[in-house]
Amino acid sequence: MSVVPSEKIEMVRLGVGDPLPNDLKVSDYEFKDLTVKKALDKLLEGTDVSVVEFEPMYEKITGTISAGALEDAVELMAKMGRAYYSYDAQTG
């Protein structure tokens, strides 16, 4: 993940790497006052997907996801925390 600076600049996202596993679904997931990394760690606990943070992220996010695809949940949480993510299927 990368931190998006608070200055108004235009960043162009080139891609998110490999697709996240489509067999993983999210249901009844709630997160409150967690950094994006901590919220993703909690969401992905027990899976083979790991979260690596390249720079400390301090912004906290709060929300509830009632049901949906893992990719949609990760995308939402990344946007809420003003972060980008990339997935590498080989390393998980």
C-alpha atoms as a PDB file:
ATOM      1  CA  MET A   1       0.000   0.000   0.000  1.00  0.00           C
ATOM      2  CA  SER A   2       1.023   3.573  -0.532  1.00  0.00           C
ATOM      3  CA  VAL A   3      -0.112   6.666   1.287  1.00  0.00           C
ATOM      4  CA  VAL A   4      -1.830   9.282  -0.863  1.00  0.00           C
ATOM      5  CA  PRO A   5      -0.487  12.753  -0.003  1.00  0.00           C
ATOM      6  CA  SER A   6      -2.937  15.371   1.211  1.00  0.00           C
ATOM      7  CA  GLU A   7      -1.711  17.950  -1.349  1.00  0.00           C
ATOM      8  CA  LYS A   8      -3.917  18.173  -4.415  1.00  0.00           C
ATOM      9  CA  ILE A   9      -2.022  16.269  -7.091  1.00  0.00           C
ATOM     10  CA  GLU A  10      -3.173  13.964  -9.837  1.00  0.00           C
ATOM     11  CA  MET A  11      -2.120  10.356  -9.401  1.00  0.00           C
ATOM     12  CA  VAL A  12      -2.719   7.826 -12.134  1.00  0.00           C
ATOM     13  CA  ARG A  13      -3.186   4.270 -10.997  1.00  0.00           C
ATOM     14  CA  LEU A  14      -1.668   1.822 -13.431  1.00  0.00           C
ATOM     15  CA  GLY A  15      -3.225  -1.343 -12.047  1.00  0.00           C
ATOM     16  CA  VAL A  16      -3.871  -3.501  -9.016  1.00  0.00           C
ATOM     17  CA  GLY A  17      -1.713  -6.454  -9.995  1.00  0.00           C
ATOM     18  CA  ASP A  18      -3.353  -9.854 -10.096  1.00  0.00           C
ATOM     19  CA  PRO A  19      -7.072 -10.234  -9.354  1.00  0.00           C
ATOM     20  CA  LEU A  20      -7.876 -10.978  -5.726  1.00  0.00           C
ATOM     21  CA  PRO A  21      -9.198 -14.512  -5.096  1.00  0.00           C
ATOM     22  CA  ASN A  22     -12.801 -14.558  -6.335  1.00  0.00           C
ATOM     23  CA  ASP A  23     -13.764 -17.475  -4.095  1.00  0.00           C
ATOM     24  CA  LEU A  24     -13.474 -15.274  -0.992  1.00  0.00           C
ATOM     25  CA  LYS A  25     -16.642 -13.398  -0.056  1.00  0.00           C
ATOM     26  CA  VAL A  26     -17.230 -10.840   2.678  1.00  0.00           C
ATOM     27  CA  SER A  27     -20.259 -10.880   4.943  1.00  0.00           C
ATOM     28  CA  ASP A  28     -21.180  -9.036   8.129  1.00  0.00           C
ATOM     29  CA  TYR A  29     -17.788  -7.344   8.453  1.00  0.00           C
ATOM     30  CA  GLU A  30     -17.513  -4.308  10.695  1.00  0.00           C
ATOM     31  CA  PHE A  31     -14.454  -2.173  11.364  1.00  0.00           C
ATOM     32  CA  LYS A  32     -14.228   0.834  13.652  1.00  0.00           C
ATOM     33  CA  ASP A  33     -11.399   3.359  14.009  1.00  0.00           C
ATOM     34  CA  LEU A  34      -8.802   1.084  12.381  1.00  0.00           C
ATOM     35  CA  THR A  35      -6.037   1.934   9.938  1.00  0.00           C
ATOM     36  CA  VAL A  36      -6.510   0.410   6.481  1.00  0.00           C
ATOM     37  CA  LYS A  37      -3.806  -2.158   7.258  1.00  0.00           C
ATOM     38  CA  LYS A  38      -5.421  -3.222  10.528  1.00  0.00           C
ATOM     39  CA  ALA A  39      -8.885  -3.366   8.917  1.00  0.00           C
ATOM     40  CA  LEU A  40      -7.509  -5.506   6.066  1.00  0.00           C
ATOM     41  CA  ASP A  41      -5.534  -7.720   8.475  1.00  0.00           C
ATOM     42  CA  LYS A  42      -8.762  -8.332  10.404  1.00  0.00           C
ATOM     43  CA  LEU A  43     -10.720  -9.027   7.202  1.00  0.00           C
ATOM     44  CA  LEU A  44      -8.105 -11.385   5.743  1.00  0.00           C
ATOM     45  CA  GLU A  45      -7.351 -13.291   8.950  1.00  0.00           C
ATOM     46  CA  GLY A  46      -7.320 -17.021   8.212  1.00  0.00           C
ATOM     47  CA  THR A  47      -6.697 -16.589   4.468  1.00  0.00           C
ATOM     48  CA  ASP A  48      -3.500 -16.891   2.424  1.00  0.00           C
ATOM     49  CA  VAL A  49      -3.661 -13.168   1.562  1.00  0.00           C
ATOM     50  CA  SER A  50      -1.249 -10.969   3.507  1.00  0.00           C
ATOM     51  CA  VAL A  51      -1.073  -7.193   3.870  1.00  0.00           C
ATOM     52  CA  VAL A  52       2.240  -5.372   3.481  1.00  0.00           C
ATOM     53  CA  GLU A  53       2.499  -1.692   4.286  1.00  0.00           C
ATOM     54  CA  PHE A  54       5.345   0.254   2.675  1.00  0.00           C
ATOM     55  CA  GLU A  55       4.765   3.454   4.633  1.00  0.00           C
ATOM     56  CA  PRO A  56       2.987   3.940   7.963  1.00  0.00           C
ATOM     57  CA  MET A  57      -0.666   4.848   7.503  1.00  0.00           C
ATOM     58  CA  TYR A  58      -2.315   6.680  10.355  1.00  0.00           C
ATOM     59  CA  GLU A  59      -5.730   7.616   8.952  1.00  0.00           C
ATOM     60  CA  LYS A  60      -8.500   5.574  10.606  1.00  0.00           C
ATOM     61  CA  ILE A  61     -11.561   4.194   8.840  1.00  0.00           C
ATOM     62  CA  THR A  62     -14.925   2.972  10.109  1.00  0.00           C
ATOM     63  CA  GLY A  63     -17.616   1.054   8.281  1.00  0.00           C
ATOM     64  CA  THR A  64     -19.716  -2.054   7.770  1.00  0.00           C
ATOM     65  CA  ILE A  65     -19.835  -4.385   4.794  1.00  0.00           C
ATOM     66  CA  SER A  66     -22.955  -6.545   4.871  1.00  0.00           C
ATOM     67  CA  ALA A  67     -22.034  -8.774   1.905  1.00  0.00           C
ATOM     68  CA  GLY A  68     -19.989  -8.743  -1.274  1.00  0.00           C
ATOM     69  CA  ALA A  69     -16.881  -9.775  -3.119  1.00  0.00           C
ATOM     70  CA  LEU A  70     -13.475  -9.499  -1.470  1.00  0.00           C
ATOM     71  CA  GLU A  71     -12.202  -7.243  -4.260  1.00  0.00           C
ATOM     72  CA  ASP A  72     -15.055  -4.770  -3.699  1.00  0.00           C
ATOM     73  CA  ALA A  73     -14.430  -4.715   0.057  1.00  0.00           C
ATOM     74  CA  VAL A  74     -10.685  -4.127  -0.350  1.00  0.00           C
ATOM     75  CA  GLU A  75     -11.295  -1.406  -2.945  1.00  0.00           C
ATOM     76  CA  LEU A  76     -13.790   0.361  -0.652  1.00  0.00           C
ATOM     77  CA  MET A  77     -11.505   0.248   2.387  1.00  0.00           C
ATOM     78  CA  ALA A  78      -8.505   1.439   0.350  1.00  0.00           C
ATOM     79  CA  LYS A  79     -10.510   4.407  -0.969  1.00  0.00           C
ATOM     80  CA  MET A  80     -11.771   5.261   2.509  1.00  0.00           C
ATOM     81  CA  GLY A  81      -8.201   5.328   3.815  1.00  0.00           C
ATOM     82  CA  ARG A  82      -6.852   7.115   0.722  1.00  0.00           C
ATOM     83  CA  ALA A  83      -4.554   4.193  -0.099  1.00  0.00           C
ATOM     84  CA  TYR A  84      -3.726   2.087  -3.127  1.00  0.00           C
ATOM     85  CA  TYR A  85      -3.343  -1.663  -3.115  1.00  0.00           C
ATOM     86  CA  SER A  86      -1.765  -4.253  -5.352  1.00  0.00           C
ATOM     87  CA  TYR A  87      -2.087  -8.024  -5.160  1.00  0.00           C
ATOM     88  CA  ASP A  88       0.501 -10.594  -6.237  1.00  0.00           C
ATOM     89  CA  ALA A  89      -1.026 -14.072  -6.515  1.00  0.00           C
ATOM     90  CA  GLN A  90       2.381 -15.769  -6.262  1.00  0.00           C
ATOM     91  CA  THR A  91       3.225 -14.284  -2.863  1.00  0.00           C
ATOM     92  CA  GLY A  92      -0.345 -13.908  -1.552  1.00  0.00           C
END
